[in-house]
């Protein structure tokens, strides 16, 4: 956390959290960073620039008219003060982290089941289709039953995870005051497992990119009709599910430490990435995919094959989302180094 972030935490800490104040904090953060960067370009050192920025912006009440939150601050000041949250003891924080770690396989497996749920149906259709591409009626029934069973099992695993952590509902909701010991412990957890988390993210992104290969290869090399492509699509689903399970399983340390540090979750969508290149790619991604699909379909006339663009496009978009998360993490690391 850099100096500006710490300063803003101090400014906004007396006021209850709200959507408008979060938006105002983001606006003020951007204004202060722009001002700091301008002063650095004028020849000031980073510490001199930060000091001047803080001196110029002053208190939150002074900049409230610019941000349009004067009424919000007035209502907050008139509201009765909320009772202080109870401090979180280190021993309970440890048991919470251990519970998150031990139960993380439940959501990881549940997410994988959601992705894989369509695979049995697709495989049965491909295996039982006749020369006209009509599958056996029993295969449709069994496949749909398998979809429902796998989705139900995934939901049960998610519910089981919630039940295991029900004793720590106050921690998950942030209804506690983290002590210095708890903060140090949470930061240590994040540092200790950061390399494993980065490795899992890299493996997952690689799998998501490579997952397009089964669908593409089967579609391009097969001459036995479009139903054979379903084998490739099933292979794609397996690889995507594996990558999702890996990254979800390894995410327990970031999840637990962020909860203990009471860090706000950021939107992982590429459209809201901090990286402008990722934002631009995300903005034009789906229109380009539509254009490719329509162009290929009309030029080739093979509408039974061109649909494979959509699972491939979904996989690549998942990779773009993973890249957005990875870049956000790298940027956070650089800011942490600069603030030290």
C-alpha atoms as a PDB file:
ATOM      1  CA  UNK A   1       0.000   0.000   0.000  1.00  0.00           C
ATOM      2  CA  UNK A   2       1.487   3.377  -0.994  1.00  0.00           C
ATOM      3  CA  UNK A   3       1.312   6.695   0.844  1.00  0.00           C
ATOM      4  CA  UNK A   4      -1.727   7.942  -1.049  1.00  0.00           C
ATOM      5  CA  UNK A   5      -3.680   4.773  -0.258  1.00  0.00           C
ATOM      6  CA  UNK A   6      -2.809   5.076   3.427  1.00  0.00           C
ATOM      7  CA  UNK A   7      -3.797   8.735   3.414  1.00  0.00           C
ATOM      8  CA  UNK A   8      -7.155   7.969   1.799  1.00  0.00           C
ATOM      9  CA  UNK A   9      -7.776   5.162   4.291  1.00  0.00           C
ATOM     10  CA  UNK A  10      -7.328   7.708   7.074  1.00  0.00           C
ATOM     11  CA  UNK A  11      -9.621  10.242   5.364  1.00  0.00           C
ATOM     12  CA  UNK A  12     -12.498   7.846   4.774  1.00  0.00           C
ATOM     13  CA  UNK A  13     -12.193   5.687   7.902  1.00  0.00           C
ATOM     14  CA  UNK A  14     -14.529   7.857  10.077  1.00  0.00           C
ATOM     15  CA  UNK A  15     -17.405   7.427   7.625  1.00  0.00           C
ATOM     16  CA  UNK A  16     -19.546   4.335   7.029  1.00  0.00           C
ATOM     17  CA  UNK A  17     -18.850   2.568   3.748  1.00  0.00           C
ATOM     18  CA  UNK A  18     -21.262   3.269   0.905  1.00  0.00           C
ATOM     19  CA  UNK A  19     -21.262   2.949  -2.876  1.00  0.00           C
ATOM     20  CA  UNK A  20     -21.039   6.732  -3.316  1.00  0.00           C
ATOM     21  CA  UNK A  21     -18.115   7.113  -0.929  1.00  0.00           C
ATOM     22  CA  UNK A  22     -16.280   4.209  -2.605  1.00  0.00           C
ATOM     23  CA  UNK A  23     -16.760   5.965  -5.933  1.00  0.00           C
ATOM     24  CA  UNK A  24     -15.548   9.261  -4.452  1.00  0.00           C
ATOM     25  CA  UNK A  25     -12.482   7.544  -3.002  1.00  0.00           C
ATOM     26  CA  UNK A  26     -11.620   6.151  -6.429  1.00  0.00           C
ATOM     27  CA  UNK A  27     -12.051   9.585  -8.015  1.00  0.00           C
ATOM     28  CA  UNK A  28      -9.900  11.269  -5.360  1.00  0.00           C
ATOM     29  CA  UNK A  29      -7.238   8.570  -5.701  1.00  0.00           C
ATOM     30  CA  UNK A  30      -7.034   9.192  -9.457  1.00  0.00           C
ATOM     31  CA  UNK A  31      -6.864  12.971  -8.965  1.00  0.00           C
ATOM     32  CA  UNK A  32      -4.069  12.686  -6.424  1.00  0.00           C
ATOM     33  CA  UNK A  33      -2.038  10.249  -8.527  1.00  0.00           C
ATOM     34  CA  UNK A  34      -2.393  12.508 -11.590  1.00  0.00           C
ATOM     35  CA  UNK A  35      -1.235  15.491  -9.545  1.00  0.00           C
ATOM     36  CA  UNK A  36       1.676  13.494  -8.108  1.00  0.00           C
ATOM     37  CA  UNK A  37       2.769  12.353 -11.555  1.00  0.00           C
ATOM     38  CA  UNK A  38       2.661  15.932 -12.838  1.00  0.00           C
ATOM     39  CA  UNK A  39       4.843  17.140  -9.969  1.00  0.00           C
ATOM     40  CA  UNK A  40       7.346  14.346 -10.580  1.00  0.00           C
ATOM     41  CA  UNK A  41       7.529  15.345 -14.236  1.00  0.00           C
ATOM     42  CA  UNK A  42       8.216  18.919 -13.074  1.00  0.00           C
ATOM     43  CA  UNK A  43      11.326  17.682 -11.249  1.00  0.00           C
ATOM     44  CA  UNK A  44      10.172  16.845  -7.731  1.00  0.00           C
ATOM     45  CA  UNK A  45      11.119  13.571  -6.071  1.00  0.00           C
ATOM     46  CA  UNK A  46       8.393  11.061  -5.324  1.00  0.00           C
ATOM     47  CA  UNK A  47       8.355  11.859  -1.599  1.00  0.00           C
ATOM     48  CA  UNK A  48       8.280  15.620  -2.274  1.00  0.00           C
ATOM     49  CA  UNK A  49       5.449  15.182  -4.750  1.00  0.00           C
ATOM     50  CA  UNK A  50       3.399  13.067  -2.339  1.00  0.00           C
ATOM     51  CA  UNK A  51       3.871  15.594   0.455  1.00  0.00           C
ATOM     52  CA  UNK A  52       2.757  18.477  -1.752  1.00  0.00           C
ATOM     53  CA  UNK A  53      -0.249  16.550  -3.043  1.00  0.00           C
ATOM     54  CA  UNK A  54      -1.441  15.720   0.477  1.00  0.00           C
ATOM     55  CA  UNK A  55      -0.943  19.336   1.568  1.00  0.00           C
ATOM     56  CA  UNK A  56      -2.919  20.679  -1.409  1.00  0.00           C
ATOM     57  CA  UNK A  57      -5.872  18.303  -1.119  1.00  0.00           C
ATOM     58  CA  UNK A  58      -6.208  18.686   2.650  1.00  0.00           C
ATOM     59  CA  UNK A  59      -9.126  17.115   4.491  1.00  0.00           C
ATOM     60  CA  UNK A  60     -12.052  15.226   3.038  1.00  0.00           C
ATOM     61  CA  UNK A  61     -14.424  18.010   4.030  1.00  0.00           C
ATOM     62  CA  UNK A  62     -12.374  20.463   1.940  1.00  0.00           C
ATOM     63  CA  UNK A  63     -12.589  18.386  -1.241  1.00  0.00           C
ATOM     64  CA  UNK A  64     -16.164  17.173  -0.627  1.00  0.00           C
ATOM     65  CA  UNK A  65     -17.747  19.905  -2.822  1.00  0.00           C
ATOM     66  CA  UNK A  66     -15.463  18.951  -5.724  1.00  0.00           C
ATOM     67  CA  UNK A  67     -16.365  15.291  -5.343  1.00  0.00           C
ATOM     68  CA  UNK A  68     -20.045  16.023  -4.787  1.00  0.00           C
ATOM     69  CA  UNK A  69     -20.270  14.191  -1.464  1.00  0.00           C
ATOM     70  CA  UNK A  70     -21.020  17.052   0.938  1.00  0.00           C
ATOM     71  CA  UNK A  71     -24.544  15.764   1.562  1.00  0.00           C
ATOM     72  CA  UNK A  72     -23.214  12.234   2.028  1.00  0.00           C
ATOM     73  CA  UNK A  73     -20.745  13.407   4.678  1.00  0.00           C
ATOM     74  CA  UNK A  74     -23.454  15.420   6.388  1.00  0.00           C
ATOM     75  CA  UNK A  75     -25.745  12.414   6.658  1.00  0.00           C
ATOM     76  CA  UNK A  76     -22.882  10.284   7.931  1.00  0.00           C
ATOM     77  CA  UNK A  77     -22.008  12.855  10.591  1.00  0.00           C
ATOM     78  CA  UNK A  78     -25.641  13.047  11.746  1.00  0.00           C
ATOM     79  CA  UNK A  79     -26.050   9.266  11.916  1.00  0.00           C
ATOM     80  CA  UNK A  80     -25.389   7.584  15.264  1.00  0.00           C
ATOM     81  CA  UNK A  81     -21.976   6.012  15.455  1.00  0.00           C
ATOM     82  CA  UNK A  82     -21.901   2.261  14.974  1.00  0.00           C
ATOM     83  CA  UNK A  83     -20.499   0.229  17.835  1.00  0.00           C
ATOM     84  CA  UNK A  84     -16.868  -0.693  17.273  1.00  0.00           C
ATOM     85  CA  UNK A  85     -16.251  -4.150  15.862  1.00  0.00           C
ATOM     86  CA  UNK A  86     -14.756  -6.731  18.165  1.00  0.00           C
ATOM     87  CA  UNK A  87     -11.053  -7.416  17.602  1.00  0.00           C
ATOM     88  CA  UNK A  88     -10.191 -10.678  15.876  1.00  0.00           C
ATOM     89  CA  UNK A  89      -7.828 -12.864  17.864  1.00  0.00           C
ATOM     90  CA  UNK A  90      -4.867 -14.462  16.114  1.00  0.00           C
ATOM     91  CA  UNK A  91      -5.847 -18.015  17.132  1.00  0.00           C
ATOM     92  CA  UNK A  92      -9.284 -17.667  15.566  1.00  0.00           C
ATOM     93  CA  UNK A  93      -7.747 -16.166  12.423  1.00  0.00           C
ATOM     94  CA  UNK A  94      -5.500 -19.219  12.173  1.00  0.00           C
ATOM     95  CA  UNK A  95      -8.417 -21.632  12.512  1.00  0.00           C
ATOM     96  CA  UNK A  96     -10.326 -19.655   9.857  1.00  0.00           C
ATOM     97  CA  UNK A  97      -7.432 -19.859   7.398  1.00  0.00           C
ATOM     98  CA  UNK A  98      -7.075 -23.586   8.074  1.00  0.00           C
ATOM     99  CA  UNK A  99     -10.803 -24.094   7.461  1.00  0.00           C
ATOM    100  CA  UNK A 100     -10.603 -22.199   4.160  1.00  0.00           C
ATOM    101  CA  UNK A 101      -7.582 -24.234   3.064  1.00  0.00           C
ATOM    102  CA  UNK A 102      -9.157 -27.581   3.962  1.00  0.00           C
ATOM    103  CA  UNK A 103     -12.470 -26.786   2.265  1.00  0.00           C
ATOM    104  CA  UNK A 104     -11.171 -25.104  -0.891  1.00  0.00           C
ATOM    105  CA  UNK A 105     -11.386 -28.362  -2.858  1.00  0.00           C
ATOM    106  CA  UNK A 106     -15.176 -28.191  -2.551  1.00  0.00           C
ATOM    107  CA  UNK A 107     -15.754 -25.059  -4.689  1.00  0.00           C
ATOM    108  CA  UNK A 108     -12.875 -26.058  -6.997  1.00  0.00           C
ATOM    109  CA  UNK A 109     -14.527 -29.417  -7.681  1.00  0.00           C
ATOM    110  CA  UNK A 110     -17.971 -27.831  -7.917  1.00  0.00           C
ATOM    111  CA  UNK A 111     -16.854 -25.342 -10.568  1.00  0.00           C
ATOM    112  CA  UNK A 112     -15.194 -28.135 -12.547  1.00  0.00           C
ATOM    113  CA  UNK A 113     -18.420 -30.172 -12.421  1.00  0.00           C
ATOM    114  CA  UNK A 114     -20.412 -27.223 -13.750  1.00  0.00           C
ATOM    115  CA  UNK A 115     -18.095 -26.974 -16.763  1.00  0.00           C
ATOM    116  CA  UNK A 116     -17.979 -30.742 -17.329  1.00  0.00           C
ATOM    117  CA  UNK A 117     -21.722 -31.285 -16.934  1.00  0.00           C
ATOM    118  CA  UNK A 118     -22.361 -31.008 -20.684  1.00  0.00           C
ATOM    119  CA  UNK A 119     -19.604 -33.478 -21.628  1.00  0.00           C
ATOM    120  CA  UNK A 120     -21.559 -36.755 -21.007  1.00  0.00           C
ATOM    121  CA  UNK A 121     -24.457 -35.510 -23.128  1.00  0.00           C
ATOM    122  CA  UNK A 122     -22.146 -34.453 -25.965  1.00  0.00           C
ATOM    123  CA  UNK A 123     -20.237 -37.750 -25.871  1.00  0.00           C
ATOM    124  CA  UNK A 124     -23.416 -39.829 -25.924  1.00  0.00           C
ATOM    125  CA  UNK A 125     -24.789 -37.821 -28.855  1.00  0.00           C
ATOM    126  CA  UNK A 126     -21.546 -38.282 -30.792  1.00  0.00           C
ATOM    127  CA  UNK A 127     -21.298 -41.995 -29.957  1.00  0.00           C
ATOM    128  CA  UNK A 128     -24.877 -42.939 -30.871  1.00  0.00           C
ATOM    129  CA  UNK A 129     -25.570 -40.694 -33.866  1.00  0.00           C
ATOM    130  CA  UNK A 130     -26.426 -42.485 -37.093  1.00  0.00           C
ATOM    131  CA  UNK A 131     -25.375 -41.529 -40.604  1.00  0.00           C
ATOM    132  CA  UNK A 132     -27.974 -38.744 -40.664  1.00  0.00           C
ATOM    133  CA  UNK A 133     -26.604 -37.319 -37.431  1.00  0.00           C
ATOM    134  CA  UNK A 134     -29.595 -38.415 -35.321  1.00  0.00           C
ATOM    135  CA  UNK A 135     -28.607 -39.650 -31.825  1.00  0.00           C
ATOM    136  CA  UNK A 136     -30.366 -42.472 -29.994  1.00  0.00           C
ATOM    137  CA  UNK A 137     -33.260 -41.307 -27.856  1.00  0.00           C
ATOM    138  CA  UNK A 138     -31.949 -43.133 -24.800  1.00  0.00           C
ATOM    139  CA  UNK A 139     -28.642 -41.290 -25.153  1.00  0.00           C
ATOM    140  CA  UNK A 140     -30.404 -37.923 -24.921  1.00  0.00           C
ATOM    141  CA  UNK A 141     -32.248 -39.018 -21.793  1.00  0.00           C
ATOM    142  CA  UNK A 142     -29.176 -40.432 -20.095  1.00  0.00           C
ATOM    143  CA  UNK A 143     -27.108 -37.406 -21.097  1.00  0.00           C
ATOM    144  CA  UNK A 144     -29.626 -34.925 -19.709  1.00  0.00           C
ATOM    145  CA  UNK A 145     -29.841 -36.943 -16.499  1.00  0.00           C
ATOM    146  CA  UNK A 146     -26.035 -36.822 -16.217  1.00  0.00           C
ATOM    147  CA  UNK A 147     -26.095 -33.034 -16.685  1.00  0.00           C
ATOM    148  CA  UNK A 148     -28.624 -32.610 -13.890  1.00  0.00           C
ATOM    149  CA  UNK A 149     -26.762 -34.958 -11.557  1.00  0.00           C
ATOM    150  CA  UNK A 150     -23.413 -33.202 -12.086  1.00  0.00           C
ATOM    151  CA  UNK A 151     -24.909 -29.734 -11.649  1.00  0.00           C
ATOM    152  CA  UNK A 152     -26.724 -30.875  -8.505  1.00  0.00           C
ATOM    153  CA  UNK A 153     -23.526 -32.372  -7.122  1.00  0.00           C
ATOM    154  CA  UNK A 154     -21.663 -29.138  -7.844  1.00  0.00           C
ATOM    155  CA  UNK A 155     -24.316 -27.137  -5.981  1.00  0.00           C
ATOM    156  CA  UNK A 156     -24.140 -29.542  -3.031  1.00  0.00           C
ATOM    157  CA  UNK A 157     -20.376 -29.114  -2.870  1.00  0.00           C
ATOM    158  CA  UNK A 158     -20.783 -25.327  -2.816  1.00  0.00           C
ATOM    159  CA  UNK A 159     -23.355 -25.626  -0.036  1.00  0.00           C
ATOM    160  CA  UNK A 160     -21.071 -27.975   1.899  1.00  0.00           C
ATOM    161  CA  UNK A 161     -18.299 -25.405   1.683  1.00  0.00           C
ATOM    162  CA  UNK A 162     -20.653 -22.749   3.066  1.00  0.00           C
ATOM    163  CA  UNK A 163     -21.682 -25.052   5.905  1.00  0.00           C
ATOM    164  CA  UNK A 164     -18.061 -25.699   6.853  1.00  0.00           C
ATOM    165  CA  UNK A 165     -17.371 -21.971   7.089  1.00  0.00           C
ATOM    166  CA  UNK A 166     -20.667 -21.031   8.750  1.00  0.00           C
ATOM    167  CA  UNK A 167     -18.896 -20.642  12.105  1.00  0.00           C
ATOM    168  CA  UNK A 168     -16.800 -17.854  10.572  1.00  0.00           C
ATOM    169  CA  UNK A 169     -19.648 -15.841   9.061  1.00  0.00           C
ATOM    170  CA  UNK A 170     -18.591 -12.719  10.972  1.00  0.00           C
ATOM    171  CA  UNK A 171     -15.114 -12.948   9.432  1.00  0.00           C
ATOM    172  CA  UNK A 172     -16.431 -13.464   5.904  1.00  0.00           C
ATOM    173  CA  UNK A 173     -18.688 -10.422   6.315  1.00  0.00           C
ATOM    174  CA  UNK A 174     -15.835  -8.298   7.694  1.00  0.00           C
ATOM    175  CA  UNK A 175     -17.542  -7.779  11.049  1.00  0.00           C
ATOM    176  CA  UNK A 176     -14.313  -7.614  13.028  1.00  0.00           C
ATOM    177  CA  UNK A 177     -11.359  -5.368  13.767  1.00  0.00           C
ATOM    178  CA  UNK A 178      -8.079  -6.904  12.574  1.00  0.00           C
ATOM    179  CA  UNK A 179      -5.256  -6.551  15.068  1.00  0.00           C
ATOM    180  CA  UNK A 180      -1.664  -5.876  14.076  1.00  0.00           C
ATOM    181  CA  UNK A 181      -0.860  -9.552  14.699  1.00  0.00           C
ATOM    182  CA  UNK A 182      -3.693 -10.685  12.408  1.00  0.00           C
ATOM    183  CA  UNK A 183      -2.606  -8.279   9.678  1.00  0.00           C
ATOM    184  CA  UNK A 184       0.963  -9.521   9.866  1.00  0.00           C
ATOM    185  CA  UNK A 185      -0.212 -13.129   9.796  1.00  0.00           C
ATOM    186  CA  UNK A 186      -2.454 -12.516   6.759  1.00  0.00           C
ATOM    187  CA  UNK A 187       0.281 -10.715   4.849  1.00  0.00           C
ATOM    188  CA  UNK A 188       2.662 -13.568   5.657  1.00  0.00           C
ATOM    189  CA  UNK A 189       0.158 -16.114   4.292  1.00  0.00           C
ATOM    190  CA  UNK A 190      -0.135 -14.177   1.055  1.00  0.00           C
ATOM    191  CA  UNK A 191       3.649 -13.838   0.641  1.00  0.00           C
ATOM    192  CA  UNK A 192       4.314 -17.475   1.544  1.00  0.00           C
ATOM    193  CA  UNK A 193       1.931 -18.860  -1.060  1.00  0.00           C
ATOM    194  CA  UNK A 194       2.306 -16.181  -3.713  1.00  0.00           C
ATOM    195  CA  UNK A 195       4.675 -18.259  -5.867  1.00  0.00           C
ATOM    196  CA  UNK A 196       2.297 -21.249  -5.821  1.00  0.00           C
ATOM    197  CA  UNK A 197      -0.627 -18.987  -6.714  1.00  0.00           C
ATOM    198  CA  UNK A 198       1.245 -17.430  -9.633  1.00  0.00           C
ATOM    199  CA  UNK A 199       2.322 -20.864 -10.874  1.00  0.00           C
ATOM    200  CA  UNK A 200      -1.260 -22.177 -10.671  1.00  0.00           C
ATOM    201  CA  UNK A 201      -2.505 -19.125 -12.579  1.00  0.00           C
ATOM    202  CA  UNK A 202       0.116 -19.636 -15.288  1.00  0.00           C
ATOM    203  CA  UNK A 203      -0.761 -23.337 -15.621  1.00  0.00           C
ATOM    204  CA  UNK A 204      -4.482 -22.563 -15.778  1.00  0.00           C
ATOM    205  CA  UNK A 205      -4.059 -19.876 -18.434  1.00  0.00           C
ATOM    206  CA  UNK A 206      -1.868 -22.218 -20.488  1.00  0.00           C
ATOM    207  CA  UNK A 207      -4.497 -24.951 -20.269  1.00  0.00           C
ATOM    208  CA  UNK A 208      -7.261 -22.547 -21.293  1.00  0.00           C
ATOM    209  CA  UNK A 209      -5.314 -21.451 -24.338  1.00  0.00           C
ATOM    210  CA  UNK A 210      -4.457 -25.028 -25.326  1.00  0.00           C
ATOM    211  CA  UNK A 211      -8.013 -26.225 -24.687  1.00  0.00           C
ATOM    212  CA  UNK A 212      -9.075 -24.942 -28.093  1.00  0.00           C
ATOM    213  CA  UNK A 213      -6.897 -27.595 -29.776  1.00  0.00           C
ATOM    214  CA  UNK A 214      -9.174 -30.657 -29.333  1.00  0.00           C
ATOM    215  CA  UNK A 215     -12.149 -28.868 -30.881  1.00  0.00           C
ATOM    216  CA  UNK A 216     -10.143 -27.347 -33.721  1.00  0.00           C
ATOM    217  CA  UNK A 217      -8.224 -30.509 -34.571  1.00  0.00           C
ATOM    218  CA  UNK A 218     -11.266 -32.767 -34.600  1.00  0.00           C
ATOM    219  CA  UNK A 219     -13.289 -30.247 -36.602  1.00  0.00           C
ATOM    220  CA  UNK A 220     -10.548 -29.710 -39.180  1.00  0.00           C
ATOM    221  CA  UNK A 221      -9.323 -33.308 -39.525  1.00  0.00           C
ATOM    222  CA  UNK A 222     -12.603 -35.190 -39.372  1.00  0.00           C
ATOM    223  CA  UNK A 223     -14.625 -35.893 -42.491  1.00  0.00           C
ATOM    224  CA  UNK A 224     -17.364 -37.906 -40.803  1.00  0.00           C
ATOM    225  CA  UNK A 225     -19.806 -35.108 -40.073  1.00  0.00           C
ATOM    226  CA  UNK A 226     -20.358 -32.439 -37.478  1.00  0.00           C
ATOM    227  CA  UNK A 227     -21.310 -34.813 -34.630  1.00  0.00           C
ATOM    228  CA  UNK A 228     -17.726 -36.087 -34.446  1.00  0.00           C
ATOM    229  CA  UNK A 229     -16.736 -32.530 -33.479  1.00  0.00           C
ATOM    230  CA  UNK A 230     -18.519 -33.120 -30.185  1.00  0.00           C
ATOM    231  CA  UNK A 231     -15.617 -35.346 -29.098  1.00  0.00           C
ATOM    232  CA  UNK A 232     -13.303 -32.372 -29.522  1.00  0.00           C
ATOM    233  CA  UNK A 233     -15.694 -30.082 -27.656  1.00  0.00           C
ATOM    234  CA  UNK A 234     -15.776 -32.584 -24.771  1.00  0.00           C
ATOM    235  CA  UNK A 235     -11.981 -32.586 -24.709  1.00  0.00           C
ATOM    236  CA  UNK A 236     -12.042 -28.793 -24.599  1.00  0.00           C
ATOM    237  CA  UNK A 237     -14.428 -28.854 -21.635  1.00  0.00           C
ATOM    238  CA  UNK A 238     -12.177 -31.294 -19.770  1.00  0.00           C
ATOM    239  CA  UNK A 239      -9.108 -29.072 -20.209  1.00  0.00           C
ATOM    240  CA  UNK A 240     -11.032 -25.905 -19.258  1.00  0.00           C
ATOM    241  CA  UNK A 241     -12.419 -27.622 -16.148  1.00  0.00           C
ATOM    242  CA  UNK A 242      -8.945 -28.805 -15.161  1.00  0.00           C
ATOM    243  CA  UNK A 243      -7.528 -25.289 -15.432  1.00  0.00           C
ATOM    244  CA  UNK A 244     -10.444 -23.881 -13.459  1.00  0.00           C
ATOM    245  CA  UNK A 245     -10.015 -26.468 -10.711  1.00  0.00           C
ATOM    246  CA  UNK A 246      -6.273 -25.747 -10.468  1.00  0.00           C
ATOM    247  CA  UNK A 247      -6.654 -21.974 -10.152  1.00  0.00           C
ATOM    248  CA  UNK A 248      -9.620 -22.248  -7.777  1.00  0.00           C
ATOM    249  CA  UNK A 249      -7.829 -24.763  -5.554  1.00  0.00           C
ATOM    250  CA  UNK A 250      -4.728 -22.566  -5.319  1.00  0.00           C
ATOM    251  CA  UNK A 251      -6.716 -19.402  -4.601  1.00  0.00           C
ATOM    252  CA  UNK A 252      -7.388 -20.192  -0.954  1.00  0.00           C
ATOM    253  CA  UNK A 253      -4.442 -18.155   0.351  1.00  0.00           C
ATOM    254  CA  UNK A 254      -5.398 -14.977  -1.512  1.00  0.00           C
ATOM    255  CA  UNK A 255      -9.041 -15.400  -0.518  1.00  0.00           C
ATOM    256  CA  UNK A 256      -8.334 -15.959   3.174  1.00  0.00           C
ATOM    257  CA  UNK A 257      -5.670 -13.261   3.491  1.00  0.00           C
ATOM    258  CA  UNK A 258      -7.803 -10.673   1.648  1.00  0.00           C
ATOM    259  CA  UNK A 259     -10.692 -11.402   4.002  1.00  0.00           C
ATOM    260  CA  UNK A 260      -8.510 -11.004   7.088  1.00  0.00           C
ATOM    261  CA  UNK A 261      -7.017  -7.781   5.707  1.00  0.00           C
ATOM    262  CA  UNK A 262     -10.533  -6.574   4.797  1.00  0.00           C
ATOM    263  CA  UNK A 263      -9.439  -5.793   1.270  1.00  0.00           C
ATOM    264  CA  UNK A 264     -12.164  -4.918  -1.201  1.00  0.00           C
ATOM    265  CA  UNK A 265     -12.533  -7.349  -4.076  1.00  0.00           C
ATOM    266  CA  UNK A 266     -11.850  -5.863  -7.484  1.00  0.00           C
ATOM    267  CA  UNK A 267     -13.775  -6.629 -10.638  1.00  0.00           C
ATOM    268  CA  UNK A 268     -11.765  -9.219 -12.552  1.00  0.00           C
ATOM    269  CA  UNK A 269     -13.598  -8.556 -15.823  1.00  0.00           C
ATOM    270  CA  UNK A 270     -11.231  -7.577 -18.642  1.00  0.00           C
ATOM    271  CA  UNK A 271     -13.494  -4.594 -19.435  1.00  0.00           C
ATOM    272  CA  UNK A 272     -12.490  -3.078 -16.064  1.00  0.00           C
ATOM    273  CA  UNK A 273      -8.809  -4.018 -16.181  1.00  0.00           C
ATOM    274  CA  UNK A 274      -6.201  -1.502 -15.047  1.00  0.00           C
ATOM    275  CA  UNK A 275      -4.289  -2.293 -18.239  1.00  0.00           C
ATOM    276  CA  UNK A 276      -5.551  -0.150 -21.177  1.00  0.00           C
ATOM    277  CA  UNK A 277      -4.519  -2.767 -23.753  1.00  0.00           C
ATOM    278  CA  UNK A 278      -6.634  -5.442 -22.053  1.00  0.00           C
ATOM    279  CA  UNK A 279      -9.588  -3.027 -21.893  1.00  0.00           C
ATOM    280  CA  UNK A 280      -9.340  -2.248 -25.611  1.00  0.00           C
ATOM    281  CA  UNK A 281      -9.077  -5.939 -26.554  1.00  0.00           C
ATOM    282  CA  UNK A 282     -12.065  -6.779 -24.336  1.00  0.00           C
ATOM    283  CA  UNK A 283     -14.148  -3.989 -25.881  1.00  0.00           C
ATOM    284  CA  UNK A 284     -13.693  -5.247 -29.459  1.00  0.00           C
ATOM    285  CA  UNK A 285     -13.350  -8.972 -28.726  1.00  0.00           C
ATOM    286  CA  UNK A 286     -16.923 -10.195 -29.162  1.00  0.00           C
ATOM    287  CA  UNK A 287     -17.785  -7.963 -32.157  1.00  0.00           C
ATOM    288  CA  UNK A 288     -14.698  -9.345 -33.928  1.00  0.00           C
ATOM    289  CA  UNK A 289     -15.724 -12.918 -33.083  1.00  0.00           C
ATOM    290  CA  UNK A 290     -19.206 -12.284 -34.509  1.00  0.00           C
ATOM    291  CA  UNK A 291     -17.670 -10.859 -37.666  1.00  0.00           C
ATOM    292  CA  UNK A 292     -15.340 -13.874 -38.032  1.00  0.00           C
ATOM    293  CA  UNK A 293     -18.201 -16.314 -37.472  1.00  0.00           C
ATOM    294  CA  UNK A 294     -20.504 -14.665 -40.001  1.00  0.00           C
ATOM    295  CA  UNK A 295     -17.749 -14.157 -42.562  1.00  0.00           C
ATOM    296  CA  UNK A 296     -16.507 -17.752 -42.348  1.00  0.00           C
ATOM    297  CA  UNK A 297     -20.055 -19.130 -42.373  1.00  0.00           C
ATOM    298  CA  UNK A 298     -21.240 -17.181 -45.416  1.00  0.00           C
ATOM    299  CA  UNK A 299     -18.040 -17.744 -47.387  1.00  0.00           C
ATOM    300  CA  UNK A 300     -17.807 -21.471 -46.692  1.00  0.00           C
ATOM    301  CA  UNK A 301     -21.486 -22.266 -46.341  1.00  0.00           C
ATOM    302  CA  UNK A 302     -20.518 -24.888 -43.738  1.00  0.00           C
ATOM    303  CA  UNK A 303     -22.692 -23.714 -40.837  1.00  0.00           C
ATOM    304  CA  UNK A 304     -22.364 -27.131 -39.219  1.00  0.00           C
ATOM    305  CA  UNK A 305     -18.647 -26.538 -38.660  1.00  0.00           C
ATOM    306  CA  UNK A 306     -18.336 -22.814 -38.048  1.00  0.00           C
ATOM    307  CA  UNK A 307     -20.160 -22.988 -34.726  1.00  0.00           C
ATOM    308  CA  UNK A 308     -16.935 -24.281 -33.156  1.00  0.00           C
ATOM    309  CA  UNK A 309     -15.821 -20.654 -33.062  1.00  0.00           C
ATOM    310  CA  UNK A 310     -17.983 -20.034 -29.987  1.00  0.00           C
ATOM    311  CA  UNK A 311     -16.473 -22.558 -27.548  1.00  0.00           C
ATOM    312  CA  UNK A 312     -13.033 -21.523 -28.754  1.00  0.00           C
ATOM    313  CA  UNK A 313     -13.923 -17.843 -28.298  1.00  0.00           C
ATOM    314  CA  UNK A 314     -15.202 -18.541 -24.787  1.00  0.00           C
ATOM    315  CA  UNK A 315     -11.985 -20.307 -23.861  1.00  0.00           C
ATOM    316  CA  UNK A 316      -9.832 -17.483 -25.203  1.00  0.00           C
ATOM    317  CA  UNK A 317     -11.936 -14.930 -23.347  1.00  0.00           C
ATOM    318  CA  UNK A 318     -11.323 -16.924 -20.167  1.00  0.00           C
ATOM    319  CA  UNK A 319      -7.606 -16.681 -20.895  1.00  0.00           C
ATOM    320  CA  UNK A 320      -7.989 -12.922 -21.352  1.00  0.00           C
ATOM    321  CA  UNK A 321      -9.706 -12.740 -17.955  1.00  0.00           C
ATOM    322  CA  UNK A 322      -6.838 -14.696 -16.404  1.00  0.00           C
ATOM    323  CA  UNK A 323      -4.341 -12.330 -18.012  1.00  0.00           C
ATOM    324  CA  UNK A 324      -6.243  -9.370 -16.577  1.00  0.00           C
ATOM    325  CA  UNK A 325      -6.021 -10.870 -13.074  1.00  0.00           C
ATOM    326  CA  UNK A 326      -2.315 -11.652 -13.484  1.00  0.00           C
ATOM    327  CA  UNK A 327      -1.517  -8.130 -14.691  1.00  0.00           C
ATOM    328  CA  UNK A 328      -3.491  -6.629 -11.824  1.00  0.00           C
ATOM    329  CA  UNK A 329      -1.490  -8.729  -9.388  1.00  0.00           C
ATOM    330  CA  UNK A 330       1.805  -7.649 -10.956  1.00  0.00           C
ATOM    331  CA  UNK A 331       0.779  -3.995 -10.764  1.00  0.00           C
ATOM    332  CA  UNK A 332      -0.138  -4.412  -7.100  1.00  0.00           C
ATOM    333  CA  UNK A 333       3.263  -5.934  -6.413  1.00  0.00           C
ATOM    334  CA  UNK A 334       5.051  -3.034  -8.089  1.00  0.00           C
ATOM    335  CA  UNK A 335       3.068  -0.521  -6.060  1.00  0.00           C
ATOM    336  CA  UNK A 336       3.930  -2.403  -2.870  1.00  0.00           C
ATOM    337  CA  UNK A 337       7.637  -2.306  -3.740  1.00  0.00           C
ATOM    338  CA  UNK A 338       7.505   1.421  -4.530  1.00  0.00           C
ATOM    339  CA  UNK A 339       5.786   2.187  -1.236  1.00  0.00           C
ATOM    340  CA  UNK A 340       8.413   0.448   0.860  1.00  0.00           C
END
